[in-house]
């Protein structure tokens, strides 16, 4: 089936061409499915207009109509404020999420880089014991702190299967702190043959959250 995917990444991985390899693969490898995508490049034009404009683009244009978010993890992706925001917003809307390390994709000069930290391991969440709220955290200087751009949301059970019947789909009870890395899988584009397997990773992420 055709699926619309949101790609989240550090913009330097576009200029190095690593992110482009994955995005182009998504469209061309399974062309018969008419797969489409939107991605983080949408907010580059809004950078001078401030955080509110960037958030609006992510919320209203970038993630709109998508069911899975693919986080492309380069050397410095974990540092990017808007990658973190895109991940949390994806979670809120009920998207499946999957991480893909792209450091071993050769850039336009033919080089690879060292493996970057996984941003999914550096963002956490906790569902309140009564199930009514979800609190988000980020790891800053080795300490977990409230995620400033979206510290909490209401648990909208009607919009997501994440929190049905008091449990997460991995059987973690309300009141238990988890990182996004505990909850969602991460792969390596090179070692795990992303060209052949990206569609399967996307479908598995969607199935896991009932999308």
Foldseek 3Di string as FASTA:
>chain_A
DAFEEEEEEDCVCVVQPLVVVLQVLQCPVPVVSRHYYAYQVQCPVVVVVDDVVSVCCLQPPHCPRHQEYEYEFEACGLVDLVSLVSVVVCVLQAHQYEYEYRQPPAGPVGDGDDTHDDNLQFKKWAQAQVRFKIAIWGQDPNDTDQSVVDGMDTRPVVRWPQQPPQAGLVRDGHGDMDGSCVVYYYYYCPVVVCSVCVVVNNVVSSVSTVD
